[in-house]
Amino acid sequence: MPEHARCPSGATPVVHAEPGLEVAEIFRRYLAPFKDKHALGPVEDRIARDVMACRTAVLGGHLDVCTSCGFQRPAYNSCRNRHCPKCQALRGARWVEQRLDRILPVHYFHVVFTLPGDLRELARRNRALVFDLLLKSAAAALLTLGRDPKWFGASAQLGVTTVLHT
């Protein structure tokens, strides 16, 4: 339950809430032991470091000061990494909203295609090629099944939107 406090002058409300478990905290607790057993690529390592540093003193910041009473509160800079849940929450919500505006009043299916674990190392070393092949193969499979009367028997061409989650 948040505890609401006011700046002593009454000017600016300050909210103190019990923080929930955050991705950054999970990385702080478990990344080192994980890295002892598993190799991270340079991209993944950078993402983890950015997320852990996001909105902390590590990235610098400034001090918000109440002009009435001098109450001070630090405001730290964000990492701006596209994978950071703190930095990209608003962007993600906007993306979803844009997709919702384009949904047609028809039946649709959410389908997930997963790359087999045996191909992880290949994908790590050849990201663009492997993920491009995965998305093209998934779309081709859906279009083929969509035309087959045994499965869906679509009388019109199916539409496919693909999103890569790594």
Protein backbone atom coordinates (compact mmCIF):
# COMPACT_ATOMS: atom_id res chain seq x y z
CA MET A 1 0.00 0.00 0.00
CA PRO A 2 1.59 3.33 -1.02
CA GLU A 3 2.31 5.80 1.69
CA HIS A 4 1.51 9.33 0.50
CA ALA A 5 3.64 12.12 1.88
CA ARG A 6 3.73 15.78 0.98
CA CYS A 7 6.57 18.14 0.57
CA PRO A 8 6.72 20.05 3.87
CA SER A 9 5.41 23.14 2.05
CA GLY A 10 2.46 21.11 0.76
CA ALA A 11 3.44 21.90 -2.83
CA THR A 12 4.42 18.59 -4.40
CA PRO A 13 3.04 15.18 -3.46
CA VAL A 14 5.66 12.52 -2.98
CA VAL A 15 4.65 8.86 -3.22
CA HIS A 16 6.59 6.21 -1.33
CA ALA A 17 5.58 2.74 -2.45
CA GLU A 18 6.94 -0.66 -1.67
CA PRO A 19 8.75 -1.56 -4.87
CA GLY A 20 7.73 -4.78 -6.55
CA LEU A 21 10.27 -7.21 -7.89
CA GLU A 22 11.90 -5.63 -10.93
CA VAL A 23 13.95 -7.10 -13.76
CA ALA A 24 16.94 -5.05 -12.62
CA GLU A 25 16.75 -6.59 -9.15
CA ILE A 26 16.51 -10.09 -10.61
CA PHE A 27 19.64 -9.36 -12.66
CA ARG A 28 21.45 -8.01 -9.59
CA ARG A 29 20.63 -11.14 -7.58
CA TYR A 30 21.02 -13.87 -10.16
CA LEU A 31 23.09 -12.66 -13.14
CA ALA A 32 26.52 -13.50 -11.69
CA PRO A 33 25.59 -17.10 -10.76
CA PHE A 34 23.87 -17.48 -14.13
CA LYS A 35 26.99 -16.25 -15.95
CA ASP A 36 29.07 -18.79 -14.02
CA LYS A 37 27.20 -21.56 -15.85
CA HIS A 38 26.12 -19.91 -19.12
CA ALA A 39 27.80 -17.62 -21.61
CA LEU A 40 26.15 -14.33 -22.47
CA GLY A 41 26.81 -12.69 -25.78
CA PRO A 42 28.00 -9.07 -25.84
CA VAL A 43 24.52 -7.81 -26.72
CA GLU A 44 22.83 -9.64 -23.86
CA ASP A 45 25.56 -8.59 -21.43
CA ARG A 46 25.07 -4.92 -22.43
CA ILE A 47 21.30 -5.21 -22.00
CA ALA A 48 21.72 -6.64 -18.49
CA ARG A 49 24.20 -3.90 -17.51
CA ASP A 50 21.92 -1.17 -18.89
CA VAL A 51 18.83 -2.52 -17.11
CA MET A 52 20.71 -2.76 -13.80
CA ALA A 53 22.00 0.81 -14.14
CA CYS A 54 18.69 2.31 -15.30
CA ARG A 55 17.42 5.12 -13.07
CA THR A 56 20.25 4.72 -10.59
CA ALA A 57 23.14 7.00 -9.66
CA VAL A 58 25.33 4.99 -12.05
CA LEU A 59 23.86 6.92 -15.00
CA GLY A 60 23.80 10.27 -13.23
CA GLY A 61 20.80 12.49 -12.82
CA HIS A 62 19.65 15.66 -11.19
CA LEU A 63 18.03 16.82 -8.00
CA ASP A 64 14.38 17.92 -8.01
CA VAL A 65 14.08 20.76 -5.50
CA CYS A 66 10.88 22.36 -4.25
CA THR A 67 11.17 26.12 -4.73
CA SER A 68 8.89 26.74 -1.73
CA CYS A 69 10.59 24.72 1.00
CA GLY A 70 13.76 23.26 -0.49
CA PHE A 71 12.58 19.62 -0.28
CA GLN A 72 14.91 17.53 -2.47
CA ARG A 73 14.44 14.28 -4.35
CA PRO A 74 16.95 12.68 -6.77
CA ALA A 75 15.80 11.92 -10.31
CA TYR A 76 18.15 9.53 -12.09
CA ASN A 77 18.68 9.15 -15.84
CA SER A 78 17.28 6.22 -17.76
CA CYS A 79 19.33 3.81 -19.85
CA ARG A 80 17.08 4.17 -22.94
CA ASN A 81 17.81 0.58 -23.91
CA ARG A 82 15.00 -0.77 -26.09
CA HIS A 83 14.89 -3.94 -23.96
CA CYS A 84 14.53 -2.14 -20.61
CA PRO A 85 11.06 -2.57 -19.13
CA LYS A 86 11.24 0.79 -17.33
CA CYS A 87 12.30 2.75 -20.40
CA GLN A 88 10.09 1.03 -22.93
CA ALA A 89 6.82 0.58 -21.01
CA LEU A 90 5.22 3.68 -22.55
CA ARG A 91 6.60 2.88 -26.00
CA GLY A 92 5.27 -0.68 -25.70
CA ALA A 93 1.84 0.54 -24.64
CA ARG A 94 1.75 2.91 -27.62
CA TRP A 95 2.73 0.07 -29.96
CA VAL A 96 -0.08 -2.12 -28.63
CA GLU A 97 -2.55 0.76 -28.98
CA GLN A 98 -1.52 1.24 -32.62
CA ARG A 99 -2.01 -2.48 -33.29
CA LEU A 100 -5.45 -2.40 -31.63
CA ASP A 101 -6.49 0.40 -33.97
CA ARG A 102 -5.70 -1.88 -36.92
CA ILE A 103 -7.47 -5.04 -35.75
CA LEU A 104 -10.22 -6.07 -38.11
CA PRO A 105 -13.54 -7.37 -36.78
CA VAL A 106 -12.67 -10.96 -37.72
CA HIS A 107 -11.56 -14.12 -35.97
CA TYR A 108 -7.87 -14.36 -35.31
CA PHE A 109 -5.41 -16.71 -33.67
CA HIS A 110 -2.30 -16.06 -31.60
CA VAL A 111 0.32 -18.61 -32.62
CA VAL A 112 3.81 -18.96 -31.16
CA PHE A 113 6.69 -20.55 -33.06
CA THR A 114 9.68 -21.51 -30.91
CA LEU A 115 13.16 -22.14 -32.18
CA PRO A 116 14.46 -25.53 -30.92
CA GLY A 117 17.05 -25.27 -28.15
CA ASP A 118 19.60 -27.09 -30.30
CA LEU A 119 19.67 -24.06 -32.60
CA ARG A 120 20.32 -21.43 -29.89
CA GLU A 121 24.06 -21.22 -30.52
CA LEU A 122 23.50 -20.97 -34.27
CA ALA A 123 20.97 -18.19 -33.68
CA ARG A 124 23.32 -16.39 -31.30
CA ARG A 125 26.05 -16.34 -33.94
CA ASN A 126 23.80 -15.61 -36.96
CA ARG A 127 20.93 -13.62 -35.46
CA ALA A 128 19.67 -11.80 -38.55
CA LEU A 129 19.76 -14.85 -40.82
CA VAL A 130 18.23 -17.34 -38.36
CA PHE A 131 15.45 -15.01 -37.16
CA ASP A 132 14.64 -13.96 -40.73
CA LEU A 133 14.32 -17.63 -41.70
CA LEU A 134 12.20 -18.37 -38.62
CA LEU A 135 9.73 -15.57 -39.37
CA LYS A 136 9.51 -16.41 -43.08
CA SER A 137 9.03 -20.11 -42.32
CA ALA A 138 6.36 -19.40 -39.72
CA ALA A 139 4.44 -17.13 -42.11
CA ALA A 140 4.70 -19.67 -44.95
CA ALA A 141 3.45 -22.48 -42.68
CA LEU A 142 0.46 -20.40 -41.54
CA LEU A 143 -0.46 -19.40 -45.08
CA THR A 144 -0.22 -23.02 -46.25
CA LEU A 145 -2.38 -24.29 -43.38
CA GLY A 146 -4.83 -21.46 -43.91
CA ARG A 147 -5.49 -22.52 -47.50
CA ASP A 148 -5.84 -26.21 -46.64
CA PRO A 149 -9.54 -27.19 -46.24
CA LYS A 150 -8.48 -29.88 -43.76
CA TRP A 151 -7.25 -27.17 -41.36
CA PHE A 152 -8.78 -23.76 -41.89
CA GLY A 153 -9.85 -23.69 -45.52
CA ALA A 154 -9.76 -19.92 -45.70
CA SER A 155 -11.61 -18.67 -48.75
CA ALA A 156 -9.57 -15.48 -48.74
CA GLN A 157 -5.87 -14.79 -48.25
CA LEU A 158 -4.79 -14.86 -44.62
CA GLY A 159 -3.03 -11.91 -43.04
CA VAL A 160 -0.06 -12.51 -40.79
CA THR A 161 1.66 -10.16 -38.36
CA THR A 162 4.92 -11.46 -36.95
CA VAL A 163 6.75 -10.24 -33.88
CA LEU A 164 10.14 -11.54 -32.80
CA HIS A 165 10.59 -12.15 -29.07
CA THR A 166 14.11 -13.16 -28.09
